[in-house]
Amino acid sequence: MICRLSTWRFRYRVIVKDDWAQFLNEGTTVELPFYNGKVISVDVPQFMDLKVVATSPNVKGNTVSGGSKPATMETGAVVSVPLFINEGEVIKVDTRTGQYLSRVNN
């Protein structure tokens, strides 16, 4: 049984130093459970689709089984991605670990 006493929508600007915060885009919906009028945790999406804005160029011969390289996401986070990933591509990232999971087909 699910009982929802109330739902509020509001904008909340938060300065967070937790690792998961670097993967959130502006406008991302998160759950903020309250207890006695205070936020007790922040439930963020487990996976986020993020655009690669900077990485070294793909070199012919880089394959799926090759190594990895750093890539900067639109949020500023740096994720280790396979060599075949290029700037402008969208990838799925696990917000718990910061790991690349897959390309996102547009």
PDB file of N, CA and C in Angstrom:
ATOM      1  N   MET A   1       0.841  -1.164   0.000  1.00  0.00           N
ATOM      2  CA  MET A   1       0.000   0.000   0.000  1.00  0.00           C
ATOM      3  C   MET A   1       0.894   1.238   0.000  1.00  0.00           C
ATOM      4  N   ILE A   2       0.566   2.178  -0.846  1.00  0.00           N
ATOM      5  CA  ILE A   2       1.327   3.421  -0.911  1.00  0.00           C
ATOM      6  C   ILE A   2       0.441   4.557  -0.433  1.00  0.00           C
ATOM      7  N   CYS A   3       0.938   5.311   0.496  1.00  0.00           N
ATOM      8  CA  CYS A   3       0.198   6.457   1.022  1.00  0.00           C
ATOM      9  C   CYS A   3       1.063   7.696   0.846  1.00  0.00           C
ATOM     10  N   ARG A   4       0.602   8.613   0.049  1.00  0.00           N
ATOM     11  CA  ARG A   4       1.341   9.847  -0.157  1.00  0.00           C
ATOM     12  C   ARG A   4       0.589  10.964   0.540  1.00  0.00           C
ATOM     13  N   LEU A   5       1.143  11.424   1.643  1.00  0.00           N
ATOM     14  CA  LEU A   5       0.477  12.462   2.419  1.00  0.00           C
ATOM     15  C   LEU A   5       0.479  13.796   1.694  1.00  0.00           C
ATOM     16  N   SER A   6       1.595  14.132   1.114  1.00  0.00           N
ATOM     17  CA  SER A   6       1.652  15.380   0.354  1.00  0.00           C
ATOM     18  C   SER A   6       2.847  15.352  -0.578  1.00  0.00           C
ATOM     19  N   THR A   7       2.716  16.066  -1.652  1.00  0.00           N
ATOM     20  CA  THR A   7       3.796  16.200  -2.615  1.00  0.00           C
ATOM     21  C   THR A   7       3.991  17.673  -2.883  1.00  0.00           C
ATOM     22  N   TRP A   8       5.225  18.119  -2.760  1.00  0.00           N
ATOM     23  CA  TRP A   8       5.538  19.512  -3.037  1.00  0.00           C
ATOM     24  C   TRP A   8       6.533  19.568  -4.171  1.00  0.00           C
ATOM     25  N   ARG A   9       6.372  20.580  -4.977  1.00  0.00           N
ATOM     26  CA  ARG A   9       7.367  20.845  -6.015  1.00  0.00           C
ATOM     27  C   ARG A   9       7.959  22.191  -5.698  1.00  0.00           C
ATOM     28  N   PHE A  10       9.255  22.220  -5.601  1.00  0.00           N
ATOM     29  CA  PHE A  10       9.911  23.490  -5.339  1.00  0.00           C
ATOM     30  C   PHE A  10      11.335  23.438  -5.857  1.00  0.00           C
ATOM     31  N   ARG A  11      11.881  24.609  -6.044  1.00  0.00           N
ATOM     32  CA  ARG A  11      13.277  24.703  -6.458  1.00  0.00           C
ATOM     33  C   ARG A  11      14.116  24.834  -5.204  1.00  0.00           C
ATOM     34  N   TYR A  12      15.185  24.106  -5.175  1.00  0.00           N
ATOM     35  CA  TYR A  12      16.041  24.095  -4.009  1.00  0.00           C
ATOM     36  C   TYR A  12      17.484  24.145  -4.508  1.00  0.00           C
ATOM     37  N   ARG A  13      18.167  25.199  -4.206  1.00  0.00           N
ATOM     38  CA  ARG A  13      19.572  25.288  -4.589  1.00  0.00           C
ATOM     39  C   ARG A  13      20.390  24.734  -3.434  1.00  0.00           C
ATOM     40  N   VAL A  14      21.152  23.720  -3.746  1.00  0.00           N
ATOM     41  CA  VAL A  14      21.917  23.033  -2.714  1.00  0.00           C
ATOM     42  C   VAL A  14      23.393  23.018  -3.101  1.00  0.00           C
ATOM     43  N   ILE A  15      24.226  23.273  -2.139  1.00  0.00           N
ATOM     44  CA  ILE A  15      25.658  23.097  -2.351  1.00  0.00           C
ATOM     45  C   ILE A  15      26.015  21.778  -1.690  1.00  0.00           C
ATOM     46  N   VAL A  16      26.369  20.815  -2.516  1.00  0.00           N
ATOM     47  CA  VAL A  16      26.628  19.462  -2.034  1.00  0.00           C
ATOM     48  C   VAL A  16      28.038  19.057  -2.434  1.00  0.00           C
ATOM     49  N   LYS A  17      28.729  18.421  -1.539  1.00  0.00           N
ATOM     50  CA  LYS A  17      30.077  17.965  -1.845  1.00  0.00           C
ATOM     51  C   LYS A  17      30.140  16.452  -2.021  1.00  0.00           C
ATOM     52  N   ASP A  18      28.987  15.790  -2.020  1.00  0.00           N
ATOM     53  CA  ASP A  18      28.967  14.348  -2.228  1.00  0.00           C
ATOM     54  C   ASP A  18      29.305  14.036  -3.683  1.00  0.00           C
ATOM     55  N   ASP A  19      29.876  12.851  -3.907  1.00  0.00           N
ATOM     56  CA  ASP A  19      30.314  12.466  -5.244  1.00  0.00           C
ATOM     57  C   ASP A  19      29.185  12.427  -6.265  1.00  0.00           C
ATOM     58  N   TRP A  20      27.998  11.987  -5.859  1.00  0.00           N
ATOM     59  CA  TRP A  20      26.894  11.845  -6.806  1.00  0.00           C
ATOM     60  C   TRP A  20      26.435  13.177  -7.376  1.00  0.00           C
ATOM     61  N   ALA A  21      26.639  14.273  -6.670  1.00  0.00           N
ATOM     62  CA  ALA A  21      26.142  15.581  -7.107  1.00  0.00           C
ATOM     63  C   ALA A  21      26.756  16.018  -8.432  1.00  0.00           C
ATOM     64  N   GLN A  22      27.965  15.570  -8.734  1.00  0.00           N
ATOM     65  CA  GLN A  22      28.620  15.970  -9.975  1.00  0.00           C
ATOM     66  C   GLN A  22      27.950  15.386 -11.217  1.00  0.00           C
ATOM     67  N   PHE A  23      27.045  14.443 -11.042  1.00  0.00           N
ATOM     68  CA  PHE A  23      26.379  13.813 -12.175  1.00  0.00           C
ATOM     69  C   PHE A  23      24.980  14.363 -12.439  1.00  0.00           C
ATOM     70  N   LEU A  24      24.534  15.331 -11.663  1.00  0.00           N
ATOM     71  CA  LEU A  24      23.180  15.859 -11.816  1.00  0.00           C
ATOM     72  C   LEU A  24      23.159  17.081 -12.725  1.00  0.00           C
ATOM     73  N   ASN A  25      22.256  17.055 -13.690  1.00  0.00           N
ATOM     74  CA  ASN A  25      22.016  18.208 -14.554  1.00  0.00           C
ATOM     75  C   ASN A  25      21.057  19.161 -13.865  1.00  0.00           C
ATOM     76  N   GLU A  26      21.080  20.404 -14.278  1.00  0.00           N
ATOM     77  CA  GLU A  26      20.086  21.351 -13.778  1.00  0.00           C
ATOM     78  C   GLU A  26      18.709  20.844 -14.181  1.00  0.00           C
ATOM     79  N   GLY A  27      17.785  20.858 -13.255  1.00  0.00           N
ATOM     80  CA  GLY A  27      16.434  20.395 -13.528  1.00  0.00           C
ATOM     81  C   GLY A  27      16.206  18.921 -13.236  1.00  0.00           C
ATOM     82  N   THR A  28      17.230  18.205 -12.795  1.00  0.00           N
ATOM     83  CA  THR A  28      17.068  16.794 -12.446  1.00  0.00           C
ATOM     84  C   THR A  28      16.153  16.675 -11.230  1.00  0.00           C
ATOM     85  N   THR A  29      15.202  15.764 -11.294  1.00  0.00           N
ATOM     86  CA  THR A  29      14.281  15.538 -10.188  1.00  0.00           C
ATOM     87  C   THR A  29      14.914  14.572  -9.193  1.00  0.00           C
ATOM     88  N   VAL A  30      14.899  14.950  -7.933  1.00  0.00           N
ATOM     89  CA  VAL A  30      15.394  14.081  -6.866  1.00  0.00           C
ATOM     90  C   VAL A  30      14.330  13.990  -5.782  1.00  0.00           C
ATOM     91  N   GLU A  31      14.377  12.924  -5.010  1.00  0.00           N
ATOM     92  CA  GLU A  31      13.469  12.742  -3.879  1.00  0.00           C
ATOM     93  C   GLU A  31      14.171  13.256  -2.627  1.00  0.00           C
ATOM     94  N   LEU A  32      13.456  14.051  -1.841  1.00  0.00           N
ATOM     95  CA  LEU A  32      13.990  14.584  -0.590  1.00  0.00           C
ATOM     96  C   LEU A  32      13.082  14.159   0.556  1.00  0.00           C
ATOM     97  N   PRO A  33      13.335  12.994   1.152  1.00  0.00           N
ATOM     98  CA  PRO A  33      12.516  12.569   2.289  1.00  0.00           C
ATOM     99  C   PRO A  33      12.742  13.490   3.496  1.00  0.00           C
ATOM    100  N   PHE A  34      11.643  13.892   4.126  1.00  0.00           N
ATOM    101  CA  PHE A  34      11.699  14.771   5.294  1.00  0.00           C
ATOM    102  C   PHE A  34      11.325  14.000   6.551  1.00  0.00           C
ATOM    103  N   TYR A  35      11.898  14.402   7.671  1.00  0.00           N
ATOM    104  CA  TYR A  35      11.506  13.898   8.976  1.00  0.00           C
ATOM    105  C   TYR A  35      11.609  15.068   9.942  1.00  0.00           C
ATOM    106  N   ASN A  36      10.527  15.340  10.632  1.00  0.00           N
ATOM    107  CA  ASN A  36      10.473  16.484  11.554  1.00  0.00           C
ATOM    108  C   ASN A  36      10.891  17.789  10.882  1.00  0.00           C
ATOM    109  N   GLY A  37      10.464  17.952   9.638  1.00  0.00           N
ATOM    110  CA  GLY A  37      10.730  19.200   8.926  1.00  0.00           C
ATOM    111  C   GLY A  37      12.121  19.348   8.359  1.00  0.00           C
ATOM    112  N   LYS A  38      12.931  18.294   8.432  1.00  0.00           N
ATOM    113  CA  LYS A  38      14.295  18.371   7.914  1.00  0.00           C
ATOM    114  C   LYS A  38      14.519  17.293   6.867  1.00  0.00           C
ATOM    115  N   VAL A  39      15.298  17.631   5.844  1.00  0.00           N
ATOM    116  CA  VAL A  39      15.665  16.650   4.827  1.00  0.00           C
ATOM    117  C   VAL A  39      16.595  15.635   5.475  1.00  0.00           C
ATOM    118  N   ILE A  40      16.258  14.342   5.329  1.00  0.00           N
ATOM    119  CA  ILE A  40      17.081  13.309   5.964  1.00  0.00           C
ATOM    120  C   ILE A  40      17.973  12.573   4.961  1.00  0.00           C
ATOM    121  N   SER A  41      17.671  12.689   3.681  1.00  0.00           N
ATOM    122  CA  SER A  41      18.532  12.091   2.661  1.00  0.00           C
ATOM    123  C   SER A  41      18.159  12.690   1.312  1.00  0.00           C
ATOM    124  N   VAL A  42      18.942  12.367   0.323  1.00  0.00           N
ATOM    125  CA  VAL A  42      18.651  12.786  -1.044  1.00  0.00           C
ATOM    126  C   VAL A  42      18.698  11.537  -1.905  1.00  0.00           C
ATOM    127  N   ASP A  43      17.569  11.205  -2.517  1.00  0.00           N
ATOM    128  CA  ASP A  43      17.496  10.029  -3.377  1.00  0.00           C
ATOM    129  C   ASP A  43      17.641  10.487  -4.821  1.00  0.00           C
ATOM    130  N   VAL A  44      18.807  10.233  -5.398  1.00  0.00           N
ATOM    131  CA  VAL A  44      19.095  10.665  -6.767  1.00  0.00           C
ATOM    132  C   VAL A  44      18.870   9.506  -7.728  1.00  0.00           C
ATOM    133  N   PRO A  45      18.672   9.797  -9.010  1.00  0.00           N
ATOM    134  CA  PRO A  45      18.543   8.710  -9.982  1.00  0.00           C
ATOM    135  C   PRO A  45      19.807   7.845  -9.975  1.00  0.00           C
ATOM    136  N   GLN A  46      19.627   6.541 -10.120  1.00  0.00           N
ATOM    137  CA  GLN A  46      20.776   5.633 -10.122  1.00  0.00           C
ATOM    138  C   GLN A  46      21.609   5.801 -11.386  1.00  0.00           C
ATOM    139  N   PHE A  47      20.946   6.134 -12.497  1.00  0.00           N
ATOM    140  CA  PHE A  47      21.636   6.297 -13.770  1.00  0.00           C
ATOM    141  C   PHE A  47      21.291   7.654 -14.359  1.00  0.00           C
ATOM    142  N   MET A  48      22.276   8.283 -15.000  1.00  0.00           N
ATOM    143  CA  MET A  48      22.055   9.559 -15.678  1.00  0.00           C
ATOM    144  C   MET A  48      22.630   9.464 -17.084  1.00  0.00           C
ATOM    145  N   ASP A  49      21.910  10.051 -18.041  1.00  0.00           N
ATOM    146  CA  ASP A  49      22.416  10.178 -19.401  1.00  0.00           C
ATOM    147  C   ASP A  49      23.097  11.534 -19.500  1.00  0.00           C
ATOM    148  N   LEU A  50      24.391  11.533 -19.812  1.00  0.00           N
ATOM    149  CA  LEU A  50      25.173  12.760 -19.839  1.00  0.00           C
ATOM    150  C   LEU A  50      25.906  12.907 -21.166  1.00  0.00           C
ATOM    151  N   LYS A  51      26.025  14.147 -21.608  1.00  0.00           N
ATOM    152  CA  LYS A  51      26.713  14.447 -22.862  1.00  0.00           C
ATOM    153  C   LYS A  51      28.200  14.661 -22.600  1.00  0.00           C
ATOM    154  N   VAL A  52      29.028  14.064 -23.455  1.00  0.00           N
ATOM    155  CA  VAL A  52      30.478  14.243 -23.384  1.00  0.00           C
ATOM    156  C   VAL A  52      30.813  15.575 -24.057  1.00  0.00           C
ATOM    157  N   VAL A  53      31.431  16.486 -23.317  1.00  0.00           N
ATOM    158  CA  VAL A  53      31.770  17.799 -23.888  1.00  0.00           C
ATOM    159  C   VAL A  53      33.256  17.933 -24.202  1.00  0.00           C
ATOM    160  N   ALA A  54      34.089  17.082 -23.623  1.00  0.00           N
ATOM    161  CA  ALA A  54      35.524  17.138 -23.921  1.00  0.00           C
ATOM    162  C   ALA A  54      36.167  15.780 -23.686  1.00  0.00           C
ATOM    163  N   THR A  55      36.907  15.317 -24.682  1.00  0.00           N
ATOM    164  CA  THR A  55      37.705  14.100 -24.569  1.00  0.00           C
ATOM    165  C   THR A  55      38.681  14.084 -25.729  1.00  0.00           C
ATOM    166  N   SER A  56      39.703  13.263 -25.640  1.00  0.00           N
ATOM    167  CA  SER A  56      40.648  13.173 -26.748  1.00  0.00           C
ATOM    168  C   SER A  56      39.965  12.494 -27.929  1.00  0.00           C
ATOM    169  N   PRO A  57      40.380  12.831 -29.146  1.00  0.00           N
ATOM    170  CA  PRO A  57      39.719  12.286 -30.339  1.00  0.00           C
ATOM    171  C   PRO A  57      39.884  10.774 -30.459  1.00  0.00           C
ATOM    172  N   ASN A  58      38.920  10.180 -31.130  1.00  0.00           N
ATOM    173  CA  ASN A  58      38.963   8.757 -31.426  1.00  0.00           C
ATOM    174  C   ASN A  58      40.026   8.525 -32.494  1.00  0.00           C
ATOM    175  N   VAL A  59      40.826   7.504 -32.305  1.00  0.00           N
ATOM    176  CA  VAL A  59      41.859   7.153 -33.274  1.00  0.00           C
ATOM    177  C   VAL A  59      41.428   5.874 -33.967  1.00  0.00           C
ATOM    178  N   LYS A  60      41.598   5.833 -35.300  1.00  0.00           N
ATOM    179  CA  LYS A  60      41.214   4.644 -36.052  1.00  0.00           C
ATOM    180  C   LYS A  60      41.870   3.412 -35.430  1.00  0.00           C
ATOM    181  N   GLY A  61      41.076   2.383 -35.248  1.00  0.00           N
ATOM    182  CA  GLY A  61      41.584   1.159 -34.646  1.00  0.00           C
ATOM    183  C   GLY A  61      41.166   0.986 -33.195  1.00  0.00           C
ATOM    184  N   ASN A  62      40.644   2.048 -32.571  1.00  0.00           N
ATOM    185  CA  ASN A  62      40.134   1.908 -31.205  1.00  0.00           C
ATOM    186  C   ASN A  62      38.883   1.050 -31.244  1.00  0.00           C
ATOM    187  N   THR A  63      38.855   0.023 -30.442  1.00  0.00           N
ATOM    188  CA  THR A  63      37.738  -0.914 -30.472  1.00  0.00           C
ATOM    189  C   THR A  63      37.049  -0.970 -29.125  1.00  0.00           C
ATOM    190  N   VAL A  64      35.944  -1.699 -29.103  1.00  0.00           N
ATOM    191  CA  VAL A  64      35.166  -1.860 -27.883  1.00  0.00           C
ATOM    192  C   VAL A  64      36.005  -2.509 -26.786  1.00  0.00           C
ATOM    193  N   SER A  65      36.918  -3.399 -27.144  1.00  0.00           N
ATOM    194  CA  SER A  65      37.704  -4.114 -26.137  1.00  0.00           C
ATOM    195  C   SER A  65      38.987  -3.381 -25.744  1.00  0.00           C
ATOM    196  N   GLY A  66      39.181  -2.173 -26.271  1.00  0.00           N
ATOM    197  CA  GLY A  66      40.407  -1.419 -25.997  1.00  0.00           C
ATOM    198  C   GLY A  66      40.435  -0.819 -24.607  1.00  0.00           C
ATOM    199  N   GLY A  67      41.300   0.185 -24.432  1.00  0.00           N
ATOM    200  CA  GLY A  67      41.480   0.826 -23.139  1.00  0.00           C
ATOM    201  C   GLY A  67      40.429   1.876 -22.849  1.00  0.00           C
ATOM    202  N   SER A  68      40.823   2.837 -22.016  1.00  0.00           N
ATOM    203  CA  SER A  68      39.892   3.903 -21.658  1.00  0.00           C
ATOM    204  C   SER A  68      40.624   5.239 -21.626  1.00  0.00           C
ATOM    205  N   LYS A  69      39.841   6.310 -21.565  1.00  0.00           N
ATOM    206  CA  LYS A  69      40.372   7.672 -21.525  1.00  0.00           C
ATOM    207  C   LYS A  69      39.421   8.524 -20.698  1.00  0.00           C
ATOM    208  N   PRO A  70      39.896   9.642 -20.148  1.00  0.00           N
ATOM    209  CA  PRO A  70      39.001  10.523 -19.391  1.00  0.00           C
ATOM    210  C   PRO A  70      38.130  11.348 -20.334  1.00  0.00           C
ATOM    211  N   ALA A  71      36.897  11.590 -19.908  1.00  0.00           N
ATOM    212  CA  ALA A  71      35.974  12.434 -20.673  1.00  0.00           C
ATOM    213  C   ALA A  71      35.244  13.346 -19.697  1.00  0.00           C
ATOM    214  N   THR A  72      35.133  14.611 -20.070  1.00  0.00           N
ATOM    215  CA  THR A  72      34.417  15.572 -19.236  1.00  0.00           C
ATOM    216  C   THR A  72      32.966  15.632 -19.686  1.00  0.00           C
ATOM    217  N   MET A  73      32.048  15.485 -18.725  1.00  0.00           N
ATOM    218  CA  MET A  73      30.623  15.529 -19.011  1.00  0.00           C
ATOM    219  C   MET A  73      30.116  16.965 -18.967  1.00  0.00           C
ATOM    220  N   GLU A  74      28.893  17.176 -19.426  1.00  0.00           N
ATOM    221  CA  GLU A  74      28.269  18.499 -19.423  1.00  0.00           C
ATOM    222  C   GLU A  74      28.126  19.074 -18.022  1.00  0.00           C
ATOM    223  N   THR A  75      28.161  18.226 -17.006  1.00  0.00           N
ATOM    224  CA  THR A  75      28.035  18.675 -15.617  1.00  0.00           C
ATOM    225  C   THR A  75      29.383  19.030 -14.998  1.00  0.00           C
ATOM    226  N   GLY A  76      30.467  18.733 -15.725  1.00  0.00           N
ATOM    227  CA  GLY A  76      31.806  18.969 -15.204  1.00  0.00           C
ATOM    228  C   GLY A  76      32.458  17.720 -14.637  1.00  0.00           C
ATOM    229  N   ALA A  77      31.681  16.666 -14.462  1.00  0.00           N
ATOM    230  CA  ALA A  77      32.228  15.407 -13.956  1.00  0.00           C
ATOM    231  C   ALA A  77      33.180  14.809 -14.987  1.00  0.00           C
ATOM    232  N   VAL A  78      34.197  14.115 -14.519  1.00  0.00           N
ATOM    233  CA  VAL A  78      35.121  13.413 -15.408  1.00  0.00           C
ATOM    234  C   VAL A  78      34.900  11.917 -15.218  1.00  0.00           C
ATOM    235  N   VAL A  79      34.632  11.236 -16.342  1.00  0.00           N
ATOM    236  CA  VAL A  79      34.316   9.812 -16.330  1.00  0.00           C
ATOM    237  C   VAL A  79      35.306   9.095 -17.241  1.00  0.00           C
ATOM    238  N   SER A  80      35.752   7.926 -16.838  1.00  0.00           N
ATOM    239  CA  SER A  80      36.609   7.099 -17.679  1.00  0.00           C
ATOM    240  C   SER A  80      35.720   6.374 -18.688  1.00  0.00           C
ATOM    241  N   VAL A  81      35.983   6.612 -19.982  1.00  0.00           N
ATOM    242  CA  VAL A  81      35.146   6.048 -21.047  1.00  0.00           C
ATOM    243  C   VAL A  81      36.008   5.231 -22.002  1.00  0.00           C
ATOM    244  N   PRO A  82      35.396   4.325 -22.770  1.00  0.00           N
ATOM    245  CA  PRO A  82      36.155   3.577 -23.777  1.00  0.00           C
ATOM    246  C   PRO A  82      36.741   4.529 -24.828  1.00  0.00           C
ATOM    247  N   LEU A  83      37.803   4.082 -25.481  1.00  0.00           N
ATOM    248  CA  LEU A  83      38.502   4.911 -26.462  1.00  0.00           C
ATOM    249  C   LEU A  83      37.633   5.338 -27.641  1.00  0.00           C
ATOM    250  N   PHE A  84      36.578   4.584 -27.952  1.00  0.00           N
ATOM    251  CA  PHE A  84      35.755   4.896 -29.118  1.00  0.00           C
ATOM    252  C   PHE A  84      34.719   5.993 -28.863  1.00  0.00           C
ATOM    253  N   ILE A  85      34.577   6.471 -27.649  1.00  0.00           N
ATOM    254  CA  ILE A  85      33.606   7.527 -27.331  1.00  0.00           C
ATOM    255  C   ILE A  85      34.159   8.880 -27.788  1.00  0.00           C
ATOM    256  N   ASN A  86      33.301   9.673 -28.436  1.00  0.00           N
ATOM    257  CA  ASN A  86      33.698  10.978 -28.965  1.00  0.00           C
ATOM    258  C   ASN A  86      32.936  12.108 -28.288  1.00  0.00           C
ATOM    259  N   GLU A  87      33.456  13.323 -28.441  1.00  0.00           N
ATOM    260  CA  GLU A  87      32.746  14.508 -27.962  1.00  0.00           C
ATOM    261  C   GLU A  87      31.381  14.579 -28.630  1.00  0.00           C
ATOM    262  N   GLY A  88      30.389  15.035 -27.877  1.00  0.00           N
ATOM    263  CA  GLY A  88      29.036  15.173 -28.405  1.00  0.00           C
ATOM    264  C   GLY A  88      28.163  13.952 -28.195  1.00  0.00           C
ATOM    265  N   GLU A  89      28.765  12.814 -27.876  1.00  0.00           N
ATOM    266  CA  GLU A  89      27.973  11.611 -27.637  1.00  0.00           C
ATOM    267  C   GLU A  89      27.357  11.661 -26.247  1.00  0.00           C
ATOM    268  N   VAL A  90      26.245  10.942 -26.094  1.00  0.00           N
ATOM    269  CA  VAL A  90      25.573  10.842 -24.799  1.00  0.00           C
ATOM    270  C   VAL A  90      25.836   9.444 -24.256  1.00  0.00           C
ATOM    271  N   ILE A  91      26.237   9.392 -22.986  1.00  0.00           N
ATOM    272  CA  ILE A  91      26.527   8.104 -22.355  1.00  0.00           C
ATOM    273  C   ILE A  91      25.703   7.948 -21.081  1.00  0.00           C
ATOM    274  N   LYS A  92      25.522   6.708 -20.668  1.00  0.00           N
ATOM    275  CA  LYS A  92      24.825   6.401 -19.409  1.00  0.00           C
ATOM    276  C   LYS A  92      25.888   6.178 -18.335  1.00  0.00           C
ATOM    277  N   VAL A  93      25.714   6.884 -17.192  1.00  0.00           N
ATOM    278  CA  VAL A  93      26.670   6.814 -16.090  1.00  0.00           C
ATOM    279  C   VAL A  93      25.945   6.358 -14.825  1.00  0.00           C
ATOM    280  N   ASP A  94      26.575   5.486 -14.060  1.00  0.00           N
ATOM    281  CA  ASP A  94      26.054   5.055 -12.762  1.00  0.00           C
ATOM    282  C   ASP A  94      26.440   6.118 -11.736  1.00  0.00           C
ATOM    283  N   THR A  95      25.462   6.795 -11.135  1.00  0.00           N
ATOM    284  CA  THR A  95      25.745   7.890 -10.202  1.00  0.00           C
ATOM    285  C   THR A  95      26.338   7.394  -8.886  1.00  0.00           C
ATOM    286  N   ARG A  96      26.175   6.108  -8.575  1.00  0.00           N
ATOM    287  CA  ARG A  96      26.740   5.560  -7.334  1.00  0.00           C
ATOM    288  C   ARG A  96      28.245   5.350  -7.445  1.00  0.00           C
ATOM    289  N   THR A  97      28.701   4.956  -8.643  1.00  0.00           N
ATOM    290  CA  THR A  97      30.112   4.605  -8.825  1.00  0.00           C
ATOM    291  C   THR A  97      30.855   5.563  -9.745  1.00  0.00           C
ATOM    292  N   GLY A  98      30.117   6.319 -10.553  1.00  0.00           N
ATOM    293  CA  GLY A  98      30.747   7.200 -11.533  1.00  0.00           C
ATOM    294  C   GLY A  98      31.260   6.463 -12.751  1.00  0.00           C
ATOM    295  N   GLN A  99      30.828   5.226 -12.942  1.00  0.00           N
ATOM    296  CA  GLN A  99      31.318   4.418 -14.052  1.00  0.00           C
ATOM    297  C   GLN A  99      30.470   4.581 -15.303  1.00  0.00           C
ATOM    298  N   TYR A 100      31.150   4.552 -16.439  1.00  0.00           N
ATOM    299  CA  TYR A 100      30.509   4.496 -17.749  1.00  0.00           C
ATOM    300  C   TYR A 100      29.780   3.163 -17.853  1.00  0.00           C
ATOM    301  N   LEU A 101      28.537   3.192 -18.368  1.00  0.00           N
ATOM    302  CA  LEU A 101      27.791   1.952 -18.565  1.00  0.00           C
ATOM    303  C   LEU A 101      27.592   1.630 -20.035  1.00  0.00           C
ATOM    304  N   SER A 102      27.187   2.647 -20.822  1.00  0.00           N
ATOM    305  CA  SER A 102      26.925   2.395 -22.235  1.00  0.00           C
ATOM    306  C   SER A 102      26.727   3.708 -22.978  1.00  0.00           C
ATOM    307  N   ARG A 103      26.726   3.601 -24.291  1.00  0.00           N
ATOM    308  CA  ARG A 103      26.305   4.717 -25.133  1.00  0.00           C
ATOM    309  C   ARG A 103      24.791   4.788 -25.062  1.00  0.00           C
ATOM    310  N   VAL A 104      24.264   5.987 -25.263  1.00  0.00           N
ATOM    311  CA  VAL A 104      22.818   6.153 -25.336  1.00  0.00           C
ATOM    312  C   VAL A 104      22.479   6.421 -26.791  1.00  0.00           C
ATOM    313  N   ASN A 105      21.595   5.606 -27.351  1.00  0.00           N
ATOM    314  CA  ASN A 105      21.183   5.812 -28.742  1.00  0.00           C
ATOM    315  C   ASN A 105      20.201   6.957 -28.813  1.00  0.00           C
ATOM    316  N   ASN A 106      20.486   7.909 -29.678  1.00  0.00           N
ATOM    317  CA  ASN A 106      19.589   9.073 -29.823  1.00  0.00           C
ATOM    318  C   ASN A 106      18.482   8.791 -30.792  1.00  0.00           C
TER     319      ASN A 106
END
